[in-house]
Amino acid sequence: MINFEDFTGTITLQDRNICDFKPHEWRKKVGLLPAESQWWYDQVGDHFYRDVDIESVGLAADVMDWPINRLSSGEKQRLALLRLLQNKPQILLLDEPTANLDPDHTGKVEQLLKSYVQSQGAAMIWVSHDLAQLQRMADPIFRIENERFERMSI
């Protein structure tokens, strides 16, 4: 088990210390997609403040009119990603972003994220147990082995 209390140092983004950011500023710059996202409003559309490309993740436009409780886990996962990207974060922290998706939707999400990283000049940290996916999406690839963070040679 990694004991994070042993770590020291600072976290900076563009030469600015994390402590100098207001929380809402940091959340817009560093986007976290947890394995299970939270939903605060009853309707899907209420979670979005700008237009997003719903079709890019294989959903129909009318999904914005749906109640949250109608969504499958995979639909929630894809919508949570779009909700995150509307902030245009510079860094993406993704925890198993395609775990609930079939291969077709996984491919759509992978393509969306590749395009986003390239067009926005963003960085991405992708946590996954799927080595083949990591090989498609990441360079370099790291793993936690025996409580150590190690670069994998593939």
Foldseek 3Di string as FASTA:
>chain_A
DADCVPDDDFDDDPPHTPVPDDVVRVCLAEPEQALADDDDDQFLLVLDDDDFDLPLLPDDPCSRGHTPVVDDRQSRLVSSVRSSCVSVHQEYEEEPSCVPDDPVSVVSVLVVVVVSCVVSVHYYDYDDPDVVVCVVRDPFDWDQDPNDIGTDDD
